[in-house]
C-alpha atoms as a PDB file:
ATOM      1  CA  MET A   1      20.094  10.572 -67.048  1.00  0.00           C
ATOM      2  CA  LYS A   2      17.155   8.213 -67.530  1.00  0.00           C
ATOM      3  CA  LEU A   3      15.321   7.394 -64.301  1.00  0.00           C
ATOM      4  CA  CYS A   4      12.494   4.980 -63.585  1.00  0.00           C
ATOM      5  CA  MET A   5      10.507   3.211 -60.924  1.00  0.00           C
ATOM      6  CA  PHE A   6      10.798  -0.542 -61.357  1.00  0.00           C
ATOM      7  CA  SER A   7       9.796  -3.834 -59.819  1.00  0.00           C
ATOM      8  CA  PRO A   8      12.626  -6.405 -59.808  1.00  0.00           C
ATOM      9  CA  PRO A   9      12.220 -10.012 -60.982  1.00  0.00           C
ATOM     10  CA  ASP A  10       9.947 -12.196 -58.850  1.00  0.00           C
ATOM     11  CA  HIS A  11       8.462  -9.157 -57.112  1.00  0.00           C
ATOM     12  CA  ASP A  12       5.206  -7.349 -57.746  1.00  0.00           C
ATOM     13  CA  LEU A  13       5.712  -3.968 -56.099  1.00  0.00           C
ATOM     14  CA  GLU A  14       2.978  -1.439 -56.810  1.00  0.00           C
ATOM     15  CA  ARG A  15       5.215   1.590 -56.391  1.00  0.00           C
ATOM     16  CA  GLY A  16       8.514  -0.111 -57.201  1.00  0.00           C
ATOM     17  CA  TRP A  17      12.070   1.046 -56.546  1.00  0.00           C
ATOM     18  CA  PRO A  18      13.837   4.059 -58.054  1.00  0.00           C
ATOM     19  CA  GLY A  19      16.435   3.196 -60.637  1.00  0.00           C
ATOM     20  CA  ARG A  20      18.882   4.674 -63.095  1.00  0.00           C
ATOM     21  CA  ILE A  21      18.902   3.139 -66.569  1.00  0.00           C
ATOM     22  CA  GLU A  22      22.279   2.649 -68.175  1.00  0.00           C
ATOM     23  CA  GLY A  23      22.189   0.780 -71.464  1.00  0.00           C
ATOM     24  CA  GLU A  24      20.443  -2.513 -70.832  1.00  0.00           C
ATOM     25  CA  ARG A  25      20.814  -2.298 -67.047  1.00  0.00           C
ATOM     26  CA  VAL A  26      18.790  -0.772 -64.235  1.00  0.00           C
ATOM     27  CA  ILE A  27      20.742   0.323 -61.169  1.00  0.00           C
ATOM     28  CA  GLN A  28      18.736   0.613 -57.958  1.00  0.00           C
ATOM     29  CA  LEU A  29      18.975   3.972 -56.172  1.00  0.00           C
ATOM     30  CA  ALA A  30      18.882   4.418 -52.399  1.00  0.00           C
ATOM     31  CA  ALA A  31      15.738   6.543 -52.309  1.00  0.00           C
ATOM     32  CA  GLN A  32      12.091   5.748 -51.620  1.00  0.00           C
ATOM     33  CA  THR A  33      10.729   7.437 -54.744  1.00  0.00           C
ATOM     34  CA  LEU A  34      11.892   9.644 -57.585  1.00  0.00           C
ATOM     35  CA  GLN A  35      10.319  12.550 -55.684  1.00  0.00           C
ATOM     36  CA  SER A  36      12.659  11.944 -52.769  1.00  0.00           C
ATOM     37  CA  PHE A  37      15.595  11.407 -55.149  1.00  0.00           C
ATOM     38  CA  PHE A  38      14.997  14.825 -56.719  1.00  0.00           C
ATOM     39  CA  THR A  39      14.452  16.448 -53.328  1.00  0.00           C
ATOM     40  CA  GLY A  40      17.834  15.087 -52.258  1.00  0.00           C
ATOM     41  CA  GLY A  41      19.512  16.937 -55.088  1.00  0.00           C
ATOM     42  CA  GLY A  42      19.516  14.096 -57.600  1.00  0.00           C
ATOM     43  CA  GLN A  43      22.145  12.161 -55.676  1.00  0.00           C
ATOM     44  CA  ALA A  44      21.776   8.729 -54.046  1.00  0.00           C
ATOM     45  CA  ARG A  45      23.839   5.665 -53.315  1.00  0.00           C
ATOM     46  CA  GLU A  46      23.550   2.871 -55.857  1.00  0.00           C
ATOM     47  CA  HIS A  47      22.603  -0.687 -54.951  1.00  0.00           C
ATOM     48  CA  ALA A  48      21.880  -3.804 -56.989  1.00  0.00           C
ATOM     49  CA  GLU A  49      21.856  -3.993 -60.762  1.00  0.00           C
ATOM     50  CA  TYR A  50      19.242  -5.767 -62.871  1.00  0.00           C
ATOM     51  CA  ALA A  51      18.820  -6.500 -66.541  1.00  0.00           C
ATOM     52  CA  LEU A  52      16.347  -4.007 -67.978  1.00  0.00           C
ATOM     53  CA  ALA A  53      14.543  -6.803 -69.845  1.00  0.00           C
ATOM     54  CA  GLU A  54      13.870  -8.628 -66.555  1.00  0.00           C
ATOM     55  CA  VAL A  55      12.232  -5.816 -64.566  1.00  0.00           C
ATOM     56  CA  SER A  56       8.741  -4.328 -64.735  1.00  0.00           C
ATOM     57  CA  LEU A  57       8.559  -0.569 -65.153  1.00  0.00           C
ATOM     58  CA  ARG A  58       6.086   1.254 -62.911  1.00  0.00           C
ATOM     59  CA  PRO A  59       4.681   4.780 -63.197  1.00  0.00           C
ATOM     60  CA  PRO A  60       7.631   7.110 -62.590  1.00  0.00           C
ATOM     61  CA  ILE A  61       5.406   9.116 -60.226  1.00  0.00           C
ATOM     62  CA  LEU A  62       2.611   6.909 -58.884  1.00  0.00           C
ATOM     63  CA  HIS A  63       0.943   9.441 -56.569  1.00  0.00           C
ATOM     64  CA  PRO A  64       1.878  12.934 -57.761  1.00  0.00           C
ATOM     65  CA  PRO A  65       0.833  15.749 -55.416  1.00  0.00           C
ATOM     66  CA  SER A  66      -0.925  17.337 -58.376  1.00  0.00           C
ATOM     67  CA  ILE A  67      -1.361  17.034 -62.134  1.00  0.00           C
ATOM     68  CA  ARG A  68      -1.730  20.312 -63.998  1.00  0.00           C
ATOM     69  CA  ASP A  69      -2.461  19.786 -67.669  1.00  0.00           C
ATOM     70  CA  PHE A  70      -1.812  22.781 -69.903  1.00  0.00           C
ATOM     71  CA  TYR A  71      -3.052  23.680 -73.402  1.00  0.00           C
ATOM     72  CA  ALA A  72       0.120  24.806 -75.172  1.00  0.00           C
ATOM     73  CA  PHE A  73      -0.166  23.669 -78.816  1.00  0.00           C
ATOM     74  CA  GLU A  74      -2.038  26.078 -81.077  1.00  0.00           C
ATOM     75  CA  GLN A  75      -2.977  23.535 -83.750  1.00  0.00           C
ATOM     76  CA  HIS A  76      -4.718  21.336 -81.198  1.00  0.00           C
ATOM     77  CA  VAL A  77      -6.438  24.296 -79.520  1.00  0.00           C
ATOM     78  CA  ARG A  78      -7.778  25.527 -82.861  1.00  0.00           C
ATOM     79  CA  ALA A  79      -9.075  22.102 -83.869  1.00  0.00           C
ATOM     80  CA  ALA A  80     -10.613  21.300 -80.485  1.00  0.00           C
ATOM     81  CA  ARG A  81     -12.375  24.646 -80.210  1.00  0.00           C
ATOM     82  CA  ALA A  82     -13.516  24.571 -83.842  1.00  0.00           C
ATOM     83  CA  SER A  83     -15.276  21.278 -83.102  1.00  0.00           C
ATOM     84  CA  ARG A  84     -17.422  23.271 -80.658  1.00  0.00           C
ATOM     85  CA  GLY A  85     -17.876  26.215 -83.027  1.00  0.00           C
ATOM     86  CA  LEU A  86     -15.403  28.418 -81.150  1.00  0.00           C
ATOM     87  CA  ASP A  87     -12.394  30.519 -82.111  1.00  0.00           C
ATOM     88  CA  VAL A  88      -9.135  30.692 -80.165  1.00  0.00           C
ATOM     89  CA  PRO A  89      -9.541  33.502 -77.604  1.00  0.00           C
ATOM     90  CA  PRO A  90      -6.762  36.138 -77.519  1.00  0.00           C
ATOM     91  CA  GLU A  91      -6.166  35.308 -73.854  1.00  0.00           C
ATOM     92  CA  TRP A  92      -4.828  31.891 -74.866  1.00  0.00           C
ATOM     93  CA  TYR A  93      -1.769  33.569 -76.393  1.00  0.00           C
ATOM     94  CA  GLU A  94      -1.154  35.491 -73.160  1.00  0.00           C
ATOM     95  CA  ILE A  95      -1.828  32.916 -70.421  1.00  0.00           C
ATOM     96  CA  PRO A  96      -0.655  29.262 -70.310  1.00  0.00           C
ATOM     97  CA  VAL A  97      -3.937  27.942 -68.906  1.00  0.00           C
ATOM     98  CA  PHE A  98      -4.399  24.488 -67.355  1.00  0.00           C
ATOM     99  CA  TYR A  99      -6.876  22.221 -65.597  1.00  0.00           C
ATOM    100  CA  PHE A 100      -6.252  19.887 -62.663  1.00  0.00           C
ATOM    101  CA  SER A 101      -6.428  16.151 -63.396  1.00  0.00           C
ATOM    102  CA  ASN A 102      -6.713  13.212 -60.998  1.00  0.00           C
ATOM    103  CA  PRO A 103      -3.540  12.093 -59.135  1.00  0.00           C
ATOM    104  CA  ALA A 104      -5.383   8.966 -57.917  1.00  0.00           C
ATOM    105  CA  ALA A 105      -5.719   7.511 -61.421  1.00  0.00           C
ATOM    106  CA  VAL A 106      -2.127   7.296 -62.676  1.00  0.00           C
ATOM    107  CA  TYR A 107      -1.002   4.328 -64.779  1.00  0.00           C
ATOM    108  CA  GLY A 108       2.447   3.302 -65.938  1.00  0.00           C
ATOM    109  CA  PRO A 109       3.886   1.725 -69.082  1.00  0.00           C
ATOM    110  CA  TYR A 110       2.356  -1.581 -70.206  1.00  0.00           C
ATOM    111  CA  GLU A 111      -0.559  -1.293 -67.770  1.00  0.00           C
ATOM    112  CA  GLU A 112      -4.112  -1.973 -68.896  1.00  0.00           C
ATOM    113  CA  ILE A 113      -6.334   1.098 -68.868  1.00  0.00           C
ATOM    114  CA  PRO A 114      -9.853   0.394 -67.548  1.00  0.00           C
ATOM    115  CA  TYR A 115     -12.424   1.276 -70.179  1.00  0.00           C
ATOM    116  CA  PRO A 116     -14.499   4.074 -68.568  1.00  0.00           C
ATOM    117  CA  GLU A 117     -18.187   3.475 -67.968  1.00  0.00           C
ATOM    118  CA  GLY A 118     -20.627   5.518 -70.036  1.00  0.00           C
ATOM    119  CA  THR A 119     -18.474   6.398 -73.042  1.00  0.00           C
ATOM    120  CA  GLU A 120     -18.459   5.346 -76.674  1.00  0.00           C
ATOM    121  CA  GLU A 121     -15.725   7.806 -77.698  1.00  0.00           C
ATOM    122  CA  LEU A 122     -12.511   6.862 -75.914  1.00  0.00           C
ATOM    123  CA  ASP A 123      -9.487   8.880 -77.056  1.00  0.00           C
ATOM    124  CA  TYR A 124      -5.754   9.151 -76.401  1.00  0.00           C
ATOM    125  CA  GLU A 125      -3.869  12.462 -76.079  1.00  0.00           C
ATOM    126  CA  LEU A 126      -0.191  12.643 -76.964  1.00  0.00           C
ATOM    127  CA  GLU A 127       1.614  14.938 -74.508  1.00  0.00           C
ATOM    128  CA  LEU A 128       4.994  15.787 -73.050  1.00  0.00           C
ATOM    129  CA  ALA A 129       5.071  16.209 -69.267  1.00  0.00           C
ATOM    130  CA  ALA A 130       7.496  17.908 -66.902  1.00  0.00           C
ATOM    131  CA  VAL A 131       8.235  16.458 -63.462  1.00  0.00           C
ATOM    132  CA  ILE A 132       8.941  18.954 -60.690  1.00  0.00           C
ATOM    133  CA  GLY A 133      11.965  18.354 -58.471  1.00  0.00           C
ATOM    134  CA  ALA A 134      13.588  20.341 -55.686  1.00  0.00           C
ATOM    135  CA  GLU A 135      12.752  24.015 -55.087  1.00  0.00           C
ATOM    136  CA  GLY A 136       9.915  23.999 -57.600  1.00  0.00           C
ATOM    137  CA  ARG A 137      12.173  23.526 -60.599  1.00  0.00           C
ATOM    138  CA  ILE A 138      11.625  21.116 -63.472  1.00  0.00           C
ATOM    139  CA  ALA A 139      13.792  18.047 -62.862  1.00  0.00           C
ATOM    140  CA  GLY A 140      12.961  16.029 -65.972  1.00  0.00           C
ATOM    141  CA  PHE A 141      10.451  15.041 -68.623  1.00  0.00           C
ATOM    142  CA  THR A 142       8.321  12.012 -69.419  1.00  0.00           C
ATOM    143  CA  VAL A 143       5.595  10.953 -71.871  1.00  0.00           C
ATOM    144  CA  MET A 144       1.974  11.545 -70.870  1.00  0.00           C
ATOM    145  CA  ASN A 145      -1.298  10.133 -72.185  1.00  0.00           C
ATOM    146  CA  ASP A 146      -4.260  12.246 -71.072  1.00  0.00           C
ATOM    147  CA  TRP A 147      -6.956   9.646 -71.805  1.00  0.00           C
ATOM    148  CA  SER A 148     -10.294  11.261 -72.673  1.00  0.00           C
ATOM    149  CA  ALA A 149     -13.919  10.166 -72.912  1.00  0.00           C
ATOM    150  CA  ARG A 150     -15.038  12.639 -75.544  1.00  0.00           C
ATOM    151  CA  ASP A 151     -18.799  12.199 -75.286  1.00  0.00           C
ATOM    152  CA  LEU A 152     -18.670  12.700 -71.513  1.00  0.00           C
ATOM    153  CA  GLN A 153     -16.344  15.652 -71.921  1.00  0.00           C
ATOM    154  CA  ARG A 154     -18.533  17.227 -74.613  1.00  0.00           C
ATOM    155  CA  ALA A 155     -21.522  17.393 -72.266  1.00  0.00           C
ATOM    156  CA  GLU A 156     -19.416  18.735 -69.378  1.00  0.00           C
ATOM    157  CA  MET A 157     -17.829  21.509 -71.437  1.00  0.00           C
ATOM    158  CA  LYS A 158     -21.230  22.981 -72.263  1.00  0.00           C
ATOM    159  CA  VAL A 159     -21.476  24.030 -68.612  1.00  0.00           C
ATOM    160  CA  GLY A 160     -18.255  26.055 -68.948  1.00  0.00           C
ATOM    161  CA  LEU A 161     -16.357  24.836 -65.883  1.00  0.00           C
ATOM    162  CA  GLY A 162     -13.911  22.489 -67.619  1.00  0.00           C
ATOM    163  CA  PRO A 163     -13.476  18.715 -68.032  1.00  0.00           C
ATOM    164  CA  SER A 164     -14.089  16.347 -65.142  1.00  0.00           C
ATOM    165  CA  LYS A 165     -15.444  12.814 -65.704  1.00  0.00           C
ATOM    166  CA  GLY A 166     -14.333  13.018 -69.308  1.00  0.00           C
ATOM    167  CA  LYS A 167     -10.733  12.994 -68.042  1.00  0.00           C
ATOM    168  CA  ASP A 168     -10.220  11.783 -64.482  1.00  0.00           C
ATOM    169  CA  PHE A 169     -10.437   8.011 -65.005  1.00  0.00           C
ATOM    170  CA  ALA A 170      -6.837   7.635 -66.242  1.00  0.00           C
ATOM    171  CA  THR A 171      -3.559   9.401 -66.941  1.00  0.00           C
ATOM    172  CA  SER A 172      -0.548   7.377 -68.121  1.00  0.00           C
ATOM    173  CA  LEU A 173       3.048   8.415 -67.443  1.00  0.00           C
ATOM    174  CA  GLY A 174       6.370   6.862 -68.472  1.00  0.00           C
ATOM    175  CA  PRO A 175       8.253   4.872 -69.392  1.00  0.00           C
ATOM    176  CA  VAL A 176      11.090   6.899 -67.841  1.00  0.00           C
ATOM    177  CA  VAL A 177      11.945  10.397 -66.657  1.00  0.00           C
ATOM    178  CA  VAL A 178      14.824  12.003 -68.554  1.00  0.00           C
ATOM    179  CA  THR A 179      16.607  14.686 -66.556  1.00  0.00           C
ATOM    180  CA  THR A 180      16.965  18.190 -67.945  1.00  0.00           C
ATOM    181  CA  ASP A 181      20.699  17.890 -68.576  1.00  0.00           C
ATOM    182  CA  GLU A 182      19.841  15.413 -71.362  1.00  0.00           C
ATOM    183  CA  PHE A 183      16.397  16.620 -72.486  1.00  0.00           C
ATOM    184  CA  ASP A 184      15.084  20.163 -71.977  1.00  0.00           C
ATOM    185  CA  GLY A 185      11.604  19.745 -73.472  1.00  0.00           C
ATOM    186  CA  SER A 186      12.135  22.293 -76.246  1.00  0.00           C
ATOM    187  CA  ALA A 187      12.177  19.840 -79.175  1.00  0.00           C
ATOM    188  CA  GLY A 188      11.525  16.234 -80.097  1.00  0.00           C
ATOM    189  CA  THR A 189       9.326  14.365 -82.551  1.00  0.00           C
ATOM    190  CA  MET A 190       6.087  13.078 -80.999  1.00  0.00           C
ATOM    191  CA  VAL A 191       4.273  10.077 -82.522  1.00  0.00           C
ATOM    192  CA  ALA A 192       1.141   8.093 -81.603  1.00  0.00           C
ATOM    193  CA  ARG A 193       0.358   4.595 -82.886  1.00  0.00           C
ATOM    194  CA  VAL A 194      -2.728   2.451 -82.390  1.00  0.00           C
ATOM    195  CA  ASN A 195      -2.202  -1.290 -83.007  1.00  0.00           C
ATOM    196  CA  GLY A 196       1.024  -0.415 -84.819  1.00  0.00           C
ATOM    197  CA  GLU A 197      -0.585   2.128 -87.177  1.00  0.00           C
ATOM    198  CA  GLU A 198       0.735   5.676 -86.946  1.00  0.00           C
ATOM    199  CA  ARG A 199      -2.158   8.037 -86.186  1.00  0.00           C
ATOM    200  CA  SER A 200      -0.432  11.223 -84.973  1.00  0.00           C
ATOM    201  CA  ARG A 201       2.845  13.062 -85.515  1.00  0.00           C
ATOM    202  CA  GLY A 202       4.032  16.423 -84.212  1.00  0.00           C
ATOM    203  CA  SER A 203       6.889  18.179 -82.449  1.00  0.00           C
ATOM    204  CA  ALA A 204       7.487  19.534 -78.972  1.00  0.00           C
ATOM    205  CA  ALA A 205       9.084  22.535 -80.688  1.00  0.00           C
ATOM    206  CA  ASP A 206       5.600  23.733 -81.684  1.00  0.00           C
ATOM    207  CA  MET A 207       4.584  24.692 -78.135  1.00  0.00           C
ATOM    208  CA  GLN A 208       3.299  28.261 -77.954  1.00  0.00           C
ATOM    209  CA  HIS A 209       4.320  28.698 -74.321  1.00  0.00           C
ATOM    210  CA  SER A 210       7.782  27.866 -72.991  1.00  0.00           C
ATOM    211  CA  TRP A 211       8.359  25.474 -70.102  1.00  0.00           C
ATOM    212  CA  ARG A 212       9.635  28.423 -68.077  1.00  0.00           C
ATOM    213  CA  ALA A 213       6.367  30.287 -68.648  1.00  0.00           C
ATOM    214  CA  ILE A 214       4.354  27.152 -67.838  1.00  0.00           C
ATOM    215  CA  SER A 215       6.182  26.422 -64.582  1.00  0.00           C
ATOM    216  CA  ASP A 216       6.137  30.083 -63.518  1.00  0.00           C
ATOM    217  CA  HIS A 217       2.395  30.279 -64.106  1.00  0.00           C
ATOM    218  CA  ALA A 218       1.801  27.010 -62.233  1.00  0.00           C
ATOM    219  CA  ALA A 219       3.742  28.373 -59.257  1.00  0.00           C
ATOM    220  CA  GLN A 220       1.969  31.741 -59.140  1.00  0.00           C
ATOM    221  CA  ASN A 221       0.405  32.309 -55.691  1.00  0.00           C
ATOM    222  CA  THR A 222       1.295  28.760 -54.597  1.00  0.00           C
ATOM    223  CA  ARG A 223       4.316  26.471 -54.556  1.00  0.00           C
ATOM    224  CA  LEU A 224       5.210  23.474 -56.673  1.00  0.00           C
ATOM    225  CA  LEU A 225       6.097  20.236 -54.877  1.00  0.00           C
ATOM    226  CA  PRO A 226       8.494  17.455 -55.882  1.00  0.00           C
ATOM    227  CA  GLY A 227       6.579  15.020 -58.069  1.00  0.00           C
ATOM    228  CA  ASP A 228       4.066  17.564 -59.376  1.00  0.00           C
ATOM    229  CA  ILE A 229       3.253  16.914 -63.040  1.00  0.00           C
ATOM    230  CA  LEU A 230       2.895  19.660 -65.669  1.00  0.00           C
ATOM    231  CA  GLY A 231       1.422  18.381 -68.930  1.00  0.00           C
ATOM    232  CA  SER A 232       2.050  20.222 -72.180  1.00  0.00           C
ATOM    233  CA  GLY A 233      -1.385  19.634 -73.605  1.00  0.00           C
ATOM    234  CA  THR A 234      -1.933  17.684 -76.793  1.00  0.00           C
ATOM    235  CA  VAL A 235       0.452  18.159 -79.703  1.00  0.00           C
ATOM    236  CA  GLY A 236      -1.092  19.030 -83.074  1.00  0.00           C
ATOM    237  CA  THR A 237      -2.872  15.959 -84.582  1.00  0.00           C
ATOM    238  CA  GLY A 238      -2.234  14.181 -81.257  1.00  0.00           C
ATOM    239  CA  CYS A 239      -5.718  12.764 -80.623  1.00  0.00           C
ATOM    240  CA  ILE A 240      -8.607  11.136 -82.459  1.00  0.00           C
ATOM    241  CA  LEU A 241     -10.879  14.139 -81.809  1.00  0.00           C
ATOM    242  CA  GLU A 242      -8.553  16.321 -83.835  1.00  0.00           C
ATOM    243  CA  LEU A 243      -8.213  13.760 -86.638  1.00  0.00           C
ATOM    244  CA  GLY A 244     -11.995  13.760 -86.963  1.00  0.00           C
ATOM    245  CA  ASP A 245     -12.280  10.238 -88.391  1.00  0.00           C
ATOM    246  CA  GLY A 246     -14.392   8.781 -85.569  1.00  0.00           C
ATOM    247  CA  ARG A 247     -12.054   5.805 -85.108  1.00  0.00           C
ATOM    248  CA  TRP A 248     -12.398   5.791 -81.345  1.00  0.00           C
ATOM    249  CA  LEU A 249     -10.397   3.387 -79.203  1.00  0.00           C
ATOM    250  CA  GLN A 250     -11.838  -0.066 -78.584  1.00  0.00           C
ATOM    251  CA  PRO A 251     -11.159  -2.732 -75.947  1.00  0.00           C
ATOM    252  CA  GLY A 252      -7.902  -4.520 -76.722  1.00  0.00           C
ATOM    253  CA  ASP A 253      -6.373  -1.631 -78.664  1.00  0.00           C
ATOM    254  CA  VAL A 254      -2.685  -1.063 -77.987  1.00  0.00           C
ATOM    255  CA  VAL A 255      -1.778   2.631 -77.816  1.00  0.00           C
ATOM    256  CA  GLU A 256       1.872   3.670 -78.132  1.00  0.00           C
ATOM    257  CA  LEU A 257       2.976   7.260 -77.541  1.00  0.00           C
ATOM    258  CA  GLU A 258       6.591   7.983 -78.422  1.00  0.00           C
ATOM    259  CA  ILE A 259       8.656  11.107 -77.833  1.00  0.00           C
ATOM    260  CA  GLU A 260      12.120  11.374 -79.313  1.00  0.00           C
ATOM    261  CA  GLY A 261      14.680  11.424 -76.521  1.00  0.00           C
ATOM    262  CA  ILE A 262      12.421   9.773 -73.935  1.00  0.00           C
ATOM    263  CA  GLY A 263      10.919   6.541 -75.273  1.00  0.00           C
ATOM    264  CA  VAL A 264       7.613   4.755 -75.811  1.00  0.00           C
ATOM    265  CA  LEU A 265       4.676   4.750 -73.404  1.00  0.00           C
ATOM    266  CA  ARG A 266       2.571   1.694 -74.245  1.00  0.00           C
ATOM    267  CA  ASN A 267      -0.848   0.769 -72.823  1.00  0.00           C
ATOM    268  CA  THR A 268      -3.685  -1.601 -73.711  1.00  0.00           C
ATOM    269  CA  VAL A 269      -7.341  -0.602 -73.436  1.00  0.00           C
ATOM    270  CA  GLY A 270      -9.227  -2.909 -71.087  1.00  0.00           C
ATOM    271  CA  PRO A 271     -12.660  -4.517 -71.599  1.00  0.00           C
ATOM    272  CA  ARG A 272     -15.875  -2.592 -71.321  1.00  0.00           C
ATOM    273  CA  PRO A 273     -17.396  -2.586 -67.823  1.00  0.00           C
END
């Protein structure tokens, strides 16, 4: 089942309404959010129908309780660490590590991403993300763009605590959440395009750590809440840093991240501040 948050025609709702996509239609669900839909067991009465082409899609989870972004693709880990003169530590193969991102800076499909102040090296990151539903279980998957300001991040990482201002200005999610009965996150071609040019291609099947291991580790000594986001980390070749060509994103660039079985998450980079 493909689920979304949408704003109907002639409305401009920040959060939107939950909906189920069927072909070229969106069917409104009687729930406040997708979090509440999942908490209710994935069942809700259905209301009005709208043409998909006439609605505006919103972030599927606008205010997630948390965003944990993991580091699960070996090719990306090797390339990113090599850029800092580091090898892959043996612990990486044993522990699905993550950092916390910013739930207050979530953007949906087609939204403009504010160009962050103080950077000249704006990057995309092509990721798959799990959405937590009832009882701490993964309810579905969506596309995630972990936008990164590489020059800011580079300085921060020298301290050894992890990324902060290099990451927390924006995370994009969408365009839909596909429930686990249709998409289990174990496979799917992943592609990134900038202004229509393919820049990255990989596969979700290349993840070192399984989604079960990732969700179990996230839940250790705490509990996962409906709407929590678990990012896979960047697929191999899935960012400009890894490509190494210095073709950083510029204002007006259109970034499209596509995952087979989910869809295309499209955003435009806004003007410099």
